[in-house]
Amino acid sequence: MVTTLITLIEAKLELGITDSDSDTLLSTLIDAVISIFEDEIDRKLESAGYIEYYSSEGNESCIFLKNRPVTEITSIYDDPDWDFDVSDLLSSDDYTYNADNGIVYYNGQFFKGFNSIKVKYTAGYTQTTLPKSIKQCLIRQMAVWYKDAKGAEWAKSVVSQPGGGTITKKELKNNLLPDFISLTEKYRDWHC
């Protein structure tokens, strides 16, 4: 995975690195920290296209898309027979959505059926839309891992945090900074 959400320049700036000796390690750590964040929040961060299927009990008029923020909904089909042809395509006039929380609101009710709703959409962040709080948290977590990998902090019981302050290794859960953990908790199930 090569991400465009955090650049090598941003990682080097955080660490005060000016040469290219650690570029491979930094790229690996950037990908790793984003991957762990995504695993913790159970969705992707980087903007991508998705085709997803949702089930309905037949009385719902909204669905919660897995990925967000939603930047575009290309199509929504509602078909309990799974043909998903033109006759099953919902008019964009018949639904709206909240981009931030990924909820699609339909002005009718979806048909009852398992995986009877097919949604094609784009969601996620780009380099410029990723919230600064997430970006900085990811960069700081990457910096801690970089220092550990270089042996600068591994043996210490108290380590300096990037940006100032100290923390004891005992305080870290799975070698993740407290800010990283609290931010993943905030974004994990956030729909509202």
Foldseek 3Di string as FASTA:
>chain_A
DQAQQDDPVNLCVLVVDDDCPCVVVLRVLLVVLQVVLCVLQVEHAAKDKDKAFAFFQFADQKDFDRAALFPWWPWKFAAQVPPRDPVRTDDPVQWDADRGQRMIGGVGTGGGHGSRMITITIHHDHNVRPDPLVRVQSSQLSSQVVCVVVVNPVVDQWDAGRVGDIDGPVPDDVSHDPSSVVVSVVNRNDRD
